[in-house]
Amino acid sequence: MQDLIEQVIDYLKAIWIKRRYIIIMSWLICPIGWYAISQMDDVYEANARVFADTQSILGPLLKGLTVEQNSESQITTMVNTLLNRTNLERITRMTDLDVHATTPAQYEALISRLRNNIIINRTSRKDNIFIISFEDHDPEVARAVVNSVLTVFIENTLGDNRTDADSAQKFLLSQIREYENRLTTDEARLTEFKQKYRDVLPNESGGYYNQLQKEKANLSQAQLELEEVENSIAQSQKQLNLSAQNAQNGSDIISENSTVSSSFDERIKVLEANLDSLLLRFTEKHPDVTEAQRLLASLYDSRKAELDAYYESLSKNNDGSGNNLSALNSNPVYQEMRIRVNELNAQAASLRVRVSNYSKRVELLENKIHIIPEIEAELTALNRGYNITKAKYEALLSRNETAQIAQQADKNTSNINFRVIDPPRTPTAPIGPKRLLLTLGVTFLGFGAGIGLSLLISQINPVVTSRNQVTKETGIPVFGVISATENLGLQQWHKRKRLIFIISNTLLITLLVCFIVYSNNPEKFLAPFKGML
């Protein structure tokens, strides 16, 4: 850090030694820049404030009867498109600026200047207050341009409403006539088609493919149910045959034979399902599980007792096949099985009728597969075209009525009313250029250029300013420094240079102050000199 500070001090000393370049550059740049600033033309700004009132009195009354226009969007679009070439050319003609543009290049430059300098600002979206401003060297031109922009802005916004309404009305009428002709043609074609195919058109239950799919689904469901019933009949019949054969032969059948049913079978199935559900949640030591197992064991014992009694009765009556069969027929379990078989046979017969009926329907529909789909597709296309045309026609009629009411309302009132708050006036005082800032900028530029040039020359033609610099350049330590004496005249020479530098800068700053005073108020600055003259 110490080395950096010493280096900066060496640079400052080098600049101070070469300070004559600061004098040269400041006197070359500053007076020329100040003179150029003094010759700059004054810039005048004219502006106007206008209020766009979008709260129409008829708005709430006509709500739902006319087309509701978005006034905010309309104003925003108008502001964004105001500075197009057509409007700018109109502004040049209204202000006679096009007279001064004698060549195409000058006219293009004029259009570009208007586009860049015309500024339209909105104070806030809520207030709808617009500020139109324009800057020019001529105050009358600035006022004329702002006034022209204000006129174009108001006329275009109001004129667009009338033009849009007329264009919309003409367009709607042409579209209504077109859709009316199309609707008449579609109605005639649809009527002719229905008369031609009135005996084969699909009914209201759906189209051909939907009906065919529905019948096939019904057929599949009936076949599945029939197959299930036939399987149940086979199993039940097998049990009946086995019971009859055992009764006729007098054979001993174990009570656990699963082919013989008992009155406890359904309760055992329910309790087993309940026990499985309990075991999924609890262990075998849970009270609910223990109780369910106890009840299940009791049911098993009851079932075994019933079957034992059944087979015991068969054994006692085993003195002949007639007696055995008679005992078997009187058994309630056997009777229940026979009733079940009869019910299943009746259900199977009903299902066979349904399968046969569904099969005939499917066959009938499949035979028409080459006719019905084409007719159905054509009818669907005709209905679709007719419905679309009818919907469009009715919508156009409704919009036409709405447009007529809106056009009548627009002739009597406007949804946007403009009120000029501050009309454009001829500016009396210039707003620019900012001579004070430009003058200070030129002054800093002159002194900065002089300082930079002094530093550059001090580096090109270096001068030793400290003993540390000698040590750094030569590598030889310096043990002492001897100052210049009066006999050499160096001190007087440095004093003269310092005095010249101070006088030069003082004179330059004095000129700067005089120029600033003259720029702000030239009359007061020249008043003492007029008395002397």
Protein backbone atom coordinates (compact mmCIF):
# COMPACT_ATOMS: atom_id res chain seq x y z
CA MET A 1 0.00 0.00 0.00
CA GLN A 2 2.87 2.34 0.80
CA ASP A 3 4.45 1.66 -2.60
CA LEU A 4 1.17 2.47 -4.33
CA ILE A 5 0.86 5.78 -2.49
CA GLU A 6 4.45 6.70 -3.36
CA GLN A 7 3.82 5.82 -7.01
CA VAL A 8 0.69 8.02 -7.11
CA ILE A 9 2.68 10.86 -5.54
CA ASP A 10 5.41 10.42 -8.17
CA TYR A 11 2.75 10.65 -10.92
CA LEU A 12 1.30 13.82 -9.39
CA LYS A 13 4.76 15.39 -9.18
CA ALA A 14 5.41 14.45 -12.80
CA ILE A 15 2.12 16.06 -13.85
CA TRP A 16 2.98 19.17 -11.86
CA ILE A 17 6.35 19.44 -13.58
CA LYS A 18 4.64 19.20 -16.99
CA ARG A 19 1.78 21.51 -15.99
CA ARG A 20 2.38 23.79 -18.96
CA TYR A 21 0.46 21.24 -21.07
CA ILE A 22 -2.54 21.71 -18.81
CA ILE A 23 -2.46 25.42 -19.65
CA ILE A 24 -2.11 24.72 -23.35
CA MET A 25 -4.93 22.16 -23.58
CA SER A 26 -7.35 24.09 -21.37
CA TRP A 27 -6.85 27.28 -23.44
CA LEU A 28 -7.25 25.32 -26.66
CA ILE A 29 -10.33 23.35 -25.71
CA CYS A 30 -12.32 25.51 -23.28
CA PRO A 31 -12.70 28.75 -25.28
CA ILE A 32 -13.54 26.85 -28.46
CA GLY A 33 -16.07 24.68 -26.65
CA TRP A 34 -17.63 27.64 -24.89
CA TYR A 35 -17.99 29.50 -28.13
CA ALA A 36 -19.61 26.50 -29.77
CA ILE A 37 -22.06 26.25 -26.88
CA SER A 38 -22.89 29.94 -27.15
CA GLN A 39 -23.73 29.48 -30.85
CA MET A 40 -26.15 26.65 -30.22
CA ASP A 41 -29.76 27.51 -31.04
CA ASP A 42 -32.32 27.70 -28.27
CA VAL A 43 -34.82 24.87 -28.05
CA TYR A 44 -38.46 25.61 -27.25
CA GLU A 45 -41.00 23.08 -26.05
CA ALA A 46 -44.75 23.35 -26.55
CA ASN A 47 -47.16 20.97 -24.87
CA ALA A 48 -50.85 20.36 -24.38
CA ARG A 49 -52.89 18.29 -21.96
CA VAL A 50 -56.06 16.48 -23.02
CA PHE A 51 -58.46 14.33 -21.00
CA ALA A 52 -60.18 11.31 -22.57
CA ASP A 53 -63.52 10.71 -20.85
CA THR A 54 -64.61 7.08 -21.36
CA GLN A 55 -67.57 7.18 -18.93
CA SER A 56 -70.54 7.60 -21.27
CA ILE A 57 -73.99 8.29 -19.79
CA LEU A 58 -75.68 5.88 -22.20
CA GLY A 59 -73.24 3.08 -21.40
CA PRO A 60 -75.23 1.53 -18.52
CA LEU A 61 -78.51 1.99 -20.41
CA LEU A 62 -77.29 0.25 -23.56
CA LYS A 63 -75.46 -2.55 -21.77
CA GLY A 64 -76.40 -5.86 -23.38
CA LEU A 65 -78.11 -4.12 -26.33
CA THR A 66 -75.09 -2.84 -28.21
CA VAL A 67 -71.57 -3.98 -28.85
CA GLU A 68 -69.50 -3.04 -25.83
CA GLN A 69 -66.30 -1.41 -27.02
CA ASN A 70 -63.19 -1.41 -24.92
CA SER A 71 -62.45 2.30 -24.75
CA GLU A 72 -59.18 1.82 -22.90
CA SER A 73 -57.89 -0.56 -25.56
CA GLN A 74 -59.08 1.78 -28.31
CA ILE A 75 -57.24 4.75 -26.84
CA THR A 76 -54.07 2.73 -26.28
CA THR A 77 -54.12 1.49 -29.87
CA MET A 78 -54.65 5.02 -31.16
CA VAL A 79 -51.72 6.35 -29.14
CA ASN A 80 -49.45 3.57 -30.38
CA THR A 81 -50.42 4.12 -34.03
CA LEU A 82 -50.68 7.90 -33.98
CA LEU A 83 -47.14 8.47 -35.24
CA ASN A 84 -47.48 6.38 -38.39
CA ARG A 85 -46.36 7.82 -41.69
CA THR A 86 -49.85 8.79 -42.86
CA ASN A 87 -50.51 10.89 -39.76
CA LEU A 88 -47.03 12.41 -39.85
CA GLU A 89 -47.49 13.47 -43.47
CA ARG A 90 -50.83 15.00 -42.50
CA ILE A 91 -49.13 16.92 -39.67
CA THR A 92 -46.49 18.29 -42.06
CA ARG A 93 -49.23 19.59 -44.35
CA MET A 94 -51.20 21.11 -41.47
CA THR A 95 -48.10 22.99 -40.18
CA ASP A 96 -46.70 23.86 -43.68
CA LEU A 97 -43.44 22.19 -42.79
CA ASP A 98 -43.51 20.27 -46.05
CA VAL A 99 -43.04 23.56 -47.92
CA HIS A 100 -39.50 23.91 -46.56
CA ALA A 101 -38.56 20.36 -47.59
CA THR A 102 -37.62 20.79 -51.26
CA THR A 103 -35.96 17.39 -51.81
CA PRO A 104 -37.05 13.83 -50.93
CA ALA A 105 -34.09 13.53 -48.55
CA GLN A 106 -35.14 16.66 -46.66
CA TYR A 107 -38.74 15.43 -46.49
CA GLU A 108 -37.63 12.08 -45.08
CA ALA A 109 -35.48 13.88 -42.52
CA LEU A 110 -38.50 16.00 -41.56
CA ILE A 111 -40.68 12.90 -41.09
CA SER A 112 -37.97 11.25 -38.99
CA ARG A 113 -37.56 14.38 -36.83
CA LEU A 114 -41.29 14.56 -36.14
CA ARG A 115 -41.45 10.87 -35.28
CA ASN A 116 -38.55 11.19 -32.81
CA ASN A 117 -39.49 14.52 -31.20
CA ILE A 118 -43.27 14.18 -30.83
CA ILE A 119 -43.82 12.69 -27.38
CA ILE A 120 -47.18 11.46 -26.05
CA ASN A 121 -47.20 10.51 -22.39
CA ARG A 122 -50.01 9.25 -20.21
CA THR A 123 -50.01 10.46 -16.63
CA SER A 124 -51.71 7.30 -15.40
CA ARG A 125 -54.07 4.65 -16.76
CA LYS A 126 -56.67 5.62 -14.22
CA ASP A 127 -56.76 9.35 -15.07
CA ASN A 128 -56.71 9.09 -18.93
CA ILE A 129 -54.81 12.40 -19.14
CA PHE A 130 -52.40 12.63 -22.07
CA ILE A 131 -49.56 15.13 -22.46
CA ILE A 132 -48.46 15.93 -26.02
CA SER A 133 -45.12 17.74 -26.32
CA PHE A 134 -42.75 18.75 -29.12
CA GLU A 135 -39.39 20.53 -29.17
CA ASP A 136 -38.17 22.85 -31.92
CA HIS A 137 -35.88 25.84 -32.40
CA ASP A 138 -38.89 27.93 -33.49
CA PRO A 139 -41.53 28.39 -30.74
CA GLU A 140 -44.30 28.94 -33.30
CA VAL A 141 -43.47 25.69 -35.06
CA ALA A 142 -43.47 23.82 -31.75
CA ARG A 143 -46.94 25.16 -30.91
CA ALA A 144 -48.28 24.42 -34.41
CA VAL A 145 -47.02 20.83 -34.35
CA VAL A 146 -48.56 20.13 -30.93
CA ASN A 147 -51.86 21.65 -32.05
CA SER A 148 -51.84 19.49 -35.21
CA VAL A 149 -51.04 16.32 -33.25
CA LEU A 150 -53.90 17.11 -30.87
CA THR A 151 -56.32 17.58 -33.77
CA VAL A 152 -55.25 14.36 -35.49
CA PHE A 153 -55.47 12.43 -32.22
CA ILE A 154 -59.06 13.51 -31.52
CA GLU A 155 -60.33 13.23 -35.11
CA ASN A 156 -58.81 9.80 -35.70
CA THR A 157 -60.26 8.37 -32.50
CA LEU A 158 -63.76 9.68 -33.22
CA GLY A 159 -63.56 8.93 -36.93
CA ASP A 160 -62.55 5.33 -36.36
CA ASN A 161 -65.79 4.72 -34.46
CA ARG A 162 -67.93 5.91 -37.41
CA THR A 163 -65.84 4.07 -39.99
CA ASP A 164 -65.80 0.83 -38.00
CA ALA A 165 -69.57 0.94 -37.50
CA ASP A 166 -70.29 1.45 -41.21
CA SER A 167 -67.83 -1.24 -42.25
CA ALA A 168 -69.25 -3.68 -39.72
CA GLN A 169 -72.81 -3.00 -40.91
CA LYS A 170 -71.94 -3.61 -44.57
CA PHE A 171 -70.02 -6.76 -43.74
CA LEU A 172 -72.85 -8.18 -41.63
CA LEU A 173 -75.45 -7.56 -44.34
CA SER A 174 -73.34 -9.28 -46.99
CA GLN A 175 -72.71 -12.25 -44.71
CA ILE A 176 -76.42 -12.53 -43.84
CA ARG A 177 -77.38 -12.72 -47.52
CA GLU A 178 -74.71 -15.33 -48.17
CA TYR A 179 -75.67 -17.54 -45.23
CA GLU A 180 -79.37 -17.20 -46.06
CA ASN A 181 -78.74 -18.66 -49.52
CA ARG A 182 -76.59 -21.42 -48.06
CA LEU A 183 -79.24 -22.26 -45.45
CA THR A 184 -81.96 -22.56 -48.10
CA THR A 185 -79.78 -24.88 -50.18
CA ASP A 186 -78.91 -27.07 -47.16
CA GLU A 187 -82.55 -27.37 -46.13
CA ALA A 188 -83.56 -28.51 -49.62
CA ARG A 189 -80.78 -31.12 -49.77
CA LEU A 190 -81.61 -32.48 -46.29
CA THR A 191 -85.33 -32.76 -47.07
CA GLU A 192 -84.67 -34.56 -50.34
CA PHE A 193 -82.28 -37.00 -48.64
CA LYS A 194 -84.74 -37.88 -45.86
CA GLN A 195 -87.51 -38.48 -48.39
CA LYS A 196 -85.26 -40.77 -50.43
CA TYR A 197 -84.01 -42.94 -47.51
CA ARG A 198 -86.92 -42.60 -45.06
CA ASP A 199 -87.27 -46.40 -44.69
CA VAL A 200 -83.61 -47.21 -43.88
CA LEU A 201 -82.46 -44.24 -41.81
CA PRO A 202 -81.21 -45.02 -38.28
CA ASN A 203 -83.53 -44.38 -35.37
CA GLU A 204 -83.01 -42.09 -32.36
CA SER A 205 -81.19 -44.77 -30.34
CA GLY A 206 -77.97 -44.06 -32.18
CA GLY A 207 -76.09 -44.68 -35.37
CA TYR A 208 -75.46 -47.98 -37.07
CA TYR A 209 -72.11 -48.75 -35.45
CA ASN A 210 -73.37 -47.85 -31.99
CA GLN A 211 -76.39 -50.09 -32.41
CA LEU A 212 -74.30 -52.98 -33.81
CA GLN A 213 -71.82 -52.69 -30.97
CA LYS A 214 -74.63 -52.60 -28.42
CA GLU A 215 -76.27 -55.74 -29.86
CA LYS A 216 -72.94 -57.60 -29.94
CA ALA A 217 -72.31 -56.64 -26.33
CA ASN A 218 -75.78 -57.92 -25.35
CA LEU A 219 -75.13 -61.17 -27.27
CA SER A 220 -71.78 -61.69 -25.54
CA GLN A 221 -73.31 -61.02 -22.13
CA ALA A 222 -76.18 -63.45 -22.78
CA GLN A 223 -73.80 -66.17 -24.03
CA LEU A 224 -71.62 -65.74 -20.97
CA GLU A 225 -74.61 -65.99 -18.63
CA LEU A 226 -75.87 -69.09 -20.51
CA GLU A 227 -72.48 -70.74 -20.20
CA GLU A 228 -72.38 -70.02 -16.47
CA VAL A 229 -75.88 -71.46 -15.95
CA GLU A 230 -75.07 -74.58 -18.00
CA ASN A 231 -71.97 -75.16 -15.87
CA SER A 232 -74.07 -74.82 -12.73
CA ILE A 233 -76.62 -77.30 -14.13
CA ALA A 234 -73.88 -79.83 -14.91
CA GLN A 235 -72.44 -79.59 -11.39
CA SER A 236 -75.84 -79.84 -9.72
CA GLN A 237 -76.92 -82.72 -11.94
CA LYS A 238 -73.69 -84.52 -11.12
CA GLN A 239 -74.44 -84.21 -7.43
CA LEU A 240 -77.98 -85.49 -7.96
CA ASN A 241 -76.79 -88.47 -9.97
CA LEU A 242 -74.10 -89.31 -7.42
CA SER A 243 -76.63 -89.14 -4.55
CA ALA A 244 -79.12 -91.32 -6.44
CA GLN A 245 -76.44 -93.86 -7.33
CA ASN A 246 -75.22 -94.07 -3.75
CA ALA A 247 -78.76 -94.49 -2.53
CA GLN A 248 -79.49 -97.22 -5.07
CA ASN A 249 -76.29 -99.16 -4.41
CA GLY A 250 -76.49 -98.68 -0.68
CA SER A 251 -72.87 -97.69 -0.49
CA ASP A 252 -71.44 -95.99 2.55
CA ILE A 253 -70.35 -92.41 1.86
CA ILE A 254 -68.25 -90.51 4.26
CA SER A 255 -69.90 -87.53 5.82
CA GLU A 256 -67.18 -85.19 4.71
CA ASN A 257 -67.98 -85.80 1.02
CA SER A 258 -68.12 -82.39 -0.61
CA THR A 259 -70.64 -83.51 -3.23
CA VAL A 260 -73.45 -83.56 -0.60
CA SER A 261 -74.77 -80.23 0.66
CA SER A 262 -76.14 -79.41 4.07
CA SER A 263 -78.12 -76.55 5.60
CA PHE A 264 -74.98 -75.23 7.33
CA ASP A 265 -72.83 -74.74 4.18
CA GLU A 266 -73.78 -71.07 3.55
CA ARG A 267 -73.19 -70.08 7.18
CA ILE A 268 -69.82 -71.87 7.14
CA LYS A 269 -68.76 -69.95 3.99
CA VAL A 270 -69.74 -66.61 5.50
CA LEU A 271 -67.97 -67.35 8.78
CA GLU A 272 -64.82 -68.54 6.96
CA ALA A 273 -64.71 -65.27 4.98
CA ASN A 274 -65.16 -63.30 8.19
CA LEU A 275 -62.37 -65.29 9.88
CA ASP A 276 -60.00 -64.59 6.94
CA SER A 277 -60.74 -60.88 7.26
CA LEU A 278 -60.03 -60.95 11.02
CA LEU A 279 -56.74 -62.83 10.54
CA LEU A 280 -55.56 -60.10 8.17
CA ARG A 281 -55.91 -57.56 10.98
CA PHE A 282 -55.34 -59.56 14.19
CA THR A 283 -53.39 -62.56 15.45
CA GLU A 284 -54.91 -65.94 16.31
CA LYS A 285 -54.95 -65.03 20.02
CA HIS A 286 -57.27 -62.06 19.51
CA PRO A 287 -60.68 -62.53 21.21
CA ASP A 288 -62.63 -61.94 17.98
CA VAL A 289 -60.51 -64.50 16.13
CA THR A 290 -60.92 -67.04 18.95
CA GLU A 291 -64.69 -66.57 19.02
CA ALA A 292 -64.93 -66.93 15.22
CA GLN A 293 -62.89 -70.12 15.30
CA ARG A 294 -65.13 -71.51 18.07
CA LEU A 295 -68.30 -70.77 16.09
CA LEU A 296 -66.77 -72.28 12.94
CA ALA A 297 -65.88 -75.48 14.81
CA SER A 298 -69.43 -75.63 16.15
CA LEU A 299 -70.87 -75.28 12.63
CA TYR A 300 -68.59 -78.00 11.34
CA ASP A 301 -69.86 -80.30 14.11
CA SER A 302 -73.47 -79.49 13.28
CA ARG A 303 -72.89 -80.12 9.57
CA LYS A 304 -71.21 -83.46 10.34
CA ALA A 305 -74.11 -84.45 12.58
CA GLU A 306 -76.65 -83.64 9.84
CA LEU A 307 -74.72 -85.62 7.21
CA ASP A 308 -74.30 -88.54 9.63
CA ALA A 309 -78.03 -88.65 10.21
CA TYR A 310 -78.60 -88.52 6.47
CA TYR A 311 -76.29 -91.41 5.69
CA GLU A 312 -77.59 -93.38 8.69
CA SER A 313 -81.10 -93.14 7.31
CA LEU A 314 -79.80 -94.43 4.00
CA SER A 315 -78.19 -97.42 5.72
CA LYS A 316 -81.34 -98.33 7.68
CA ASN A 317 -83.47 -98.27 4.55
CA ASN A 318 -81.03 -100.32 2.48
CA ASP A 319 -83.48 -103.22 2.02
CA GLY A 320 -84.15 -102.37 -1.65
CA SER A 321 -83.60 -99.82 -4.33
CA GLY A 322 -87.18 -98.55 -4.22
CA ASN A 323 -86.96 -97.90 -0.52
CA ASN A 324 -83.60 -96.23 -0.91
CA LEU A 325 -84.84 -93.95 -3.65
CA SER A 326 -87.96 -93.20 -1.66
CA ALA A 327 -85.88 -92.24 1.31
CA LEU A 328 -83.65 -90.17 -0.90
CA ASN A 329 -86.61 -88.30 -2.42
CA SER A 330 -87.95 -87.52 0.99
CA ASN A 331 -84.59 -86.08 2.08
CA PRO A 332 -84.81 -82.20 2.22
CA VAL A 333 -81.25 -81.73 0.97
CA TYR A 334 -81.91 -83.86 -2.08
CA GLN A 335 -85.22 -82.07 -2.75
CA GLU A 336 -83.49 -78.68 -2.53
CA MET A 337 -80.88 -79.84 -5.04
CA ARG A 338 -83.57 -80.99 -7.49
CA ILE A 339 -85.41 -77.67 -7.16
CA ARG A 340 -82.16 -75.86 -7.85
CA VAL A 341 -81.56 -77.96 -10.98
CA ASN A 342 -85.09 -77.22 -12.25
CA GLU A 343 -84.62 -73.50 -11.69
CA LEU A 344 -81.30 -73.53 -13.52
CA ASN A 345 -82.87 -75.43 -16.47
CA ALA A 346 -85.63 -72.82 -16.71
CA GLN A 347 -83.06 -69.99 -16.55
CA ALA A 348 -80.98 -71.70 -19.26
CA ALA A 349 -84.02 -71.98 -21.54
CA SER A 350 -84.71 -68.27 -21.12
CA LEU A 351 -81.09 -67.41 -21.86
CA ARG A 352 -81.13 -69.56 -25.00
CA VAL A 353 -84.08 -67.56 -26.28
CA ARG A 354 -82.23 -64.30 -25.57
CA VAL A 355 -79.07 -65.57 -27.29
CA SER A 356 -81.07 -66.58 -30.32
CA ASN A 357 -82.81 -63.20 -30.45
CA TYR A 358 -79.55 -61.22 -30.11
CA SER A 359 -77.89 -63.44 -32.75
CA LYS A 360 -80.65 -62.66 -35.23
CA ARG A 361 -80.33 -58.92 -34.54
CA VAL A 362 -76.57 -58.98 -35.02
CA GLU A 363 -76.90 -60.99 -38.22
CA LEU A 364 -79.52 -58.57 -39.55
CA LEU A 365 -77.33 -55.54 -38.80
CA GLU A 366 -74.22 -57.14 -40.28
CA ASN A 367 -76.09 -57.83 -43.52
CA LYS A 368 -76.74 -54.06 -43.82
CA ILE A 369 -73.12 -53.09 -43.21
CA HIS A 370 -72.65 -51.95 -46.83
CA ILE A 371 -75.74 -49.71 -46.86
CA ILE A 372 -76.43 -48.20 -43.45
CA PRO A 373 -72.99 -46.66 -42.71
CA GLU A 374 -72.94 -44.75 -45.99
CA ILE A 375 -76.43 -43.43 -45.42
CA GLU A 376 -75.68 -42.57 -41.82
CA ALA A 377 -72.43 -40.80 -42.70
CA GLU A 378 -74.12 -38.78 -45.43
CA LEU A 379 -77.00 -37.88 -43.12
CA THR A 380 -74.56 -36.83 -40.39
CA ALA A 381 -72.66 -34.63 -42.84
CA LEU A 382 -75.88 -33.02 -44.07
CA ASN A 383 -77.11 -32.37 -40.53
CA ARG A 384 -73.75 -31.00 -39.46
CA GLY A 385 -73.57 -28.60 -42.39
CA TYR A 386 -77.16 -27.53 -41.89
CA ASN A 387 -76.72 -26.94 -38.13
CA ILE A 388 -73.52 -24.95 -38.63
CA THR A 389 -75.11 -22.78 -41.31
CA LYS A 390 -78.23 -22.25 -39.21
CA ALA A 391 -76.23 -21.33 -36.10
CA LYS A 392 -74.09 -18.87 -38.07
CA TYR A 393 -77.15 -17.35 -39.73
CA GLU A 394 -78.95 -16.82 -36.40
CA ALA A 395 -75.79 -15.37 -34.85
CA LEU A 396 -75.39 -12.95 -37.75
CA LEU A 397 -79.02 -11.81 -37.40
CA SER A 398 -78.48 -11.16 -33.70
CA ARG A 399 -75.26 -9.29 -34.34
CA ASN A 400 -76.91 -7.24 -37.08
CA GLU A 401 -79.60 -6.06 -34.68
CA THR A 402 -76.96 -5.23 -32.10
CA ALA A 403 -74.90 -3.33 -34.67
CA GLN A 404 -77.91 -1.26 -35.78
CA ILE A 405 -78.64 -0.21 -32.21
CA ALA A 406 -74.97 0.56 -31.65
CA GLN A 407 -74.83 2.64 -34.83
CA GLN A 408 -77.86 4.67 -33.80
CA ALA A 409 -76.37 5.18 -30.34
CA ASP A 410 -73.02 6.17 -31.84
CA LYS A 411 -74.68 8.86 -33.99
CA ASN A 412 -76.16 10.51 -30.92
CA THR A 413 -73.28 10.13 -28.52
CA SER A 414 -69.70 8.89 -28.33
CA ASN A 415 -68.15 6.46 -25.92
CA ILE A 416 -65.04 8.66 -25.78
CA ASN A 417 -65.19 12.41 -25.16
CA PHE A 418 -62.08 14.58 -25.29
CA ARG A 419 -61.58 17.70 -23.22
CA VAL A 420 -58.52 19.88 -23.75
CA ILE A 421 -57.25 20.83 -20.31
CA ASP A 422 -54.28 22.94 -21.41
CA PRO A 423 -54.27 24.01 -25.07
CA PRO A 424 -50.89 24.44 -26.78
CA ARG A 425 -49.29 27.86 -26.29
CA THR A 426 -46.28 29.52 -27.84
CA PRO A 427 -43.37 29.04 -25.42
CA THR A 428 -41.61 32.22 -24.36
CA ALA A 429 -38.53 30.76 -22.62
CA PRO A 430 -36.26 28.09 -24.07
CA ILE A 431 -35.80 24.82 -22.27
CA GLY A 432 -32.42 24.08 -23.78
CA PRO A 433 -29.73 23.52 -24.46
CA LYS A 434 -28.44 23.07 -20.91
CA ARG A 435 -25.57 25.48 -21.40
CA LEU A 436 -24.41 25.42 -17.77
CA LEU A 437 -23.96 21.64 -17.80
CA LEU A 438 -22.35 21.71 -21.24
CA THR A 439 -20.00 24.50 -20.17
CA LEU A 440 -18.89 22.65 -17.05
CA GLY A 441 -18.48 19.51 -19.12
CA VAL A 442 -16.22 21.32 -21.64
CA THR A 443 -14.21 22.81 -18.78
CA PHE A 444 -13.62 19.43 -17.18
CA LEU A 445 -12.78 18.05 -20.59
CA GLY A 446 -10.14 20.73 -21.20
CA PHE A 447 -8.46 20.29 -17.82
CA GLY A 448 -8.76 16.50 -18.05
CA ALA A 449 -7.12 16.48 -21.48
CA GLY A 450 -4.30 18.70 -20.15
CA ILE A 451 -3.72 16.43 -17.15
CA GLY A 452 -3.71 13.35 -19.37
CA LEU A 453 -1.28 14.93 -21.82
CA SER A 454 1.02 16.00 -18.96
CA LEU A 455 1.04 12.46 -17.57
CA LEU A 456 1.73 10.99 -21.00
CA ILE A 457 4.66 13.30 -21.72
CA SER A 458 6.07 12.74 -18.24
CA GLN A 459 6.12 9.02 -19.01
CA ILE A 460 7.67 9.51 -22.44
CA ASN A 461 10.26 11.97 -21.15
CA PRO A 462 10.49 11.05 -17.44
CA VAL A 463 11.94 13.34 -14.76
CA VAL A 464 13.19 12.10 -11.40
CA THR A 465 11.03 13.52 -8.62
CA SER A 466 12.16 11.59 -5.52
CA ARG A 467 15.15 9.67 -4.16
CA ASN A 468 13.03 6.51 -3.97
CA GLN A 469 12.54 6.74 -7.72
CA VAL A 470 16.36 6.98 -8.19
CA THR A 471 16.87 3.95 -5.99
CA LYS A 472 14.20 2.00 -7.86
CA GLU A 473 15.61 2.86 -11.30
CA THR A 474 19.34 2.43 -10.56
CA GLY A 475 19.34 0.02 -7.66
CA ILE A 476 21.79 2.32 -5.79
CA PRO A 477 20.65 3.57 -2.39
CA VAL A 478 20.48 7.35 -1.87
CA PHE A 479 21.88 8.54 1.43
CA GLY A 480 21.07 12.28 1.14
CA VAL A 481 19.51 15.04 -0.94
CA ILE A 482 20.99 18.48 -1.66
CA SER A 483 18.54 21.32 -2.45
CA ALA A 484 19.18 23.89 -5.17
CA THR A 485 20.70 27.16 -4.01
CA GLU A 486 19.72 30.68 -4.85
CA ASN A 487 22.81 31.11 -7.02
CA LEU A 488 21.48 28.61 -9.58
CA GLY A 489 18.20 30.55 -10.10
CA LEU A 490 16.07 27.41 -10.10
CA GLN A 491 13.84 28.54 -7.30
CA GLN A 492 12.97 31.79 -9.08
CA TRP A 493 12.30 29.88 -12.28
CA HIS A 494 9.90 27.53 -10.51
CA LYS A 495 8.14 30.45 -8.82
CA ARG A 496 7.56 32.11 -12.21
CA LYS A 497 6.12 28.90 -13.66
CA ARG A 498 3.83 28.49 -10.67
CA LEU A 499 2.68 32.11 -10.95
CA ILE A 500 1.97 31.74 -14.67
CA PHE A 501 -0.06 28.60 -14.00
CA ILE A 502 -2.12 30.34 -11.29
CA ILE A 503 -2.73 33.46 -13.41
CA SER A 504 -3.70 31.34 -16.45
CA ASN A 505 -6.20 29.24 -14.53
CA THR A 506 -7.57 32.28 -12.70
CA LEU A 507 -8.14 34.06 -15.99
CA LEU A 508 -9.74 30.95 -17.49
CA ILE A 509 -12.07 30.52 -14.52
CA THR A 510 -12.97 34.24 -14.73
CA LEU A 511 -13.90 33.78 -18.36
CA LEU A 512 -15.96 30.74 -17.38
CA VAL A 513 -17.88 32.74 -14.77
CA CYS A 514 -18.51 35.55 -17.23
CA PHE A 515 -19.76 33.11 -19.84
CA ILE A 516 -22.12 31.47 -17.35
CA VAL A 517 -23.52 34.85 -16.27
CA TYR A 518 -23.94 35.89 -19.89
CA SER A 519 -25.70 32.65 -20.77
CA ASN A 520 -28.21 32.99 -17.94
CA ASN A 521 -28.94 36.71 -18.34
CA PRO A 522 -27.23 38.38 -21.28
CA GLU A 523 -29.03 41.73 -20.83
CA LYS A 524 -27.78 42.30 -17.27
CA PHE A 525 -24.30 41.22 -18.25
CA LEU A 526 -24.11 43.72 -21.14
CA ALA A 527 -25.80 46.57 -19.26
CA PRO A 528 -22.56 48.05 -17.75
CA PHE A 529 -20.81 47.91 -21.13
CA LYS A 530 -23.66 49.73 -22.84
CA GLY A 531 -23.24 52.63 -20.40
CA MET A 532 -19.52 52.79 -21.20
CA LEU A 533 -20.23 52.86 -24.93
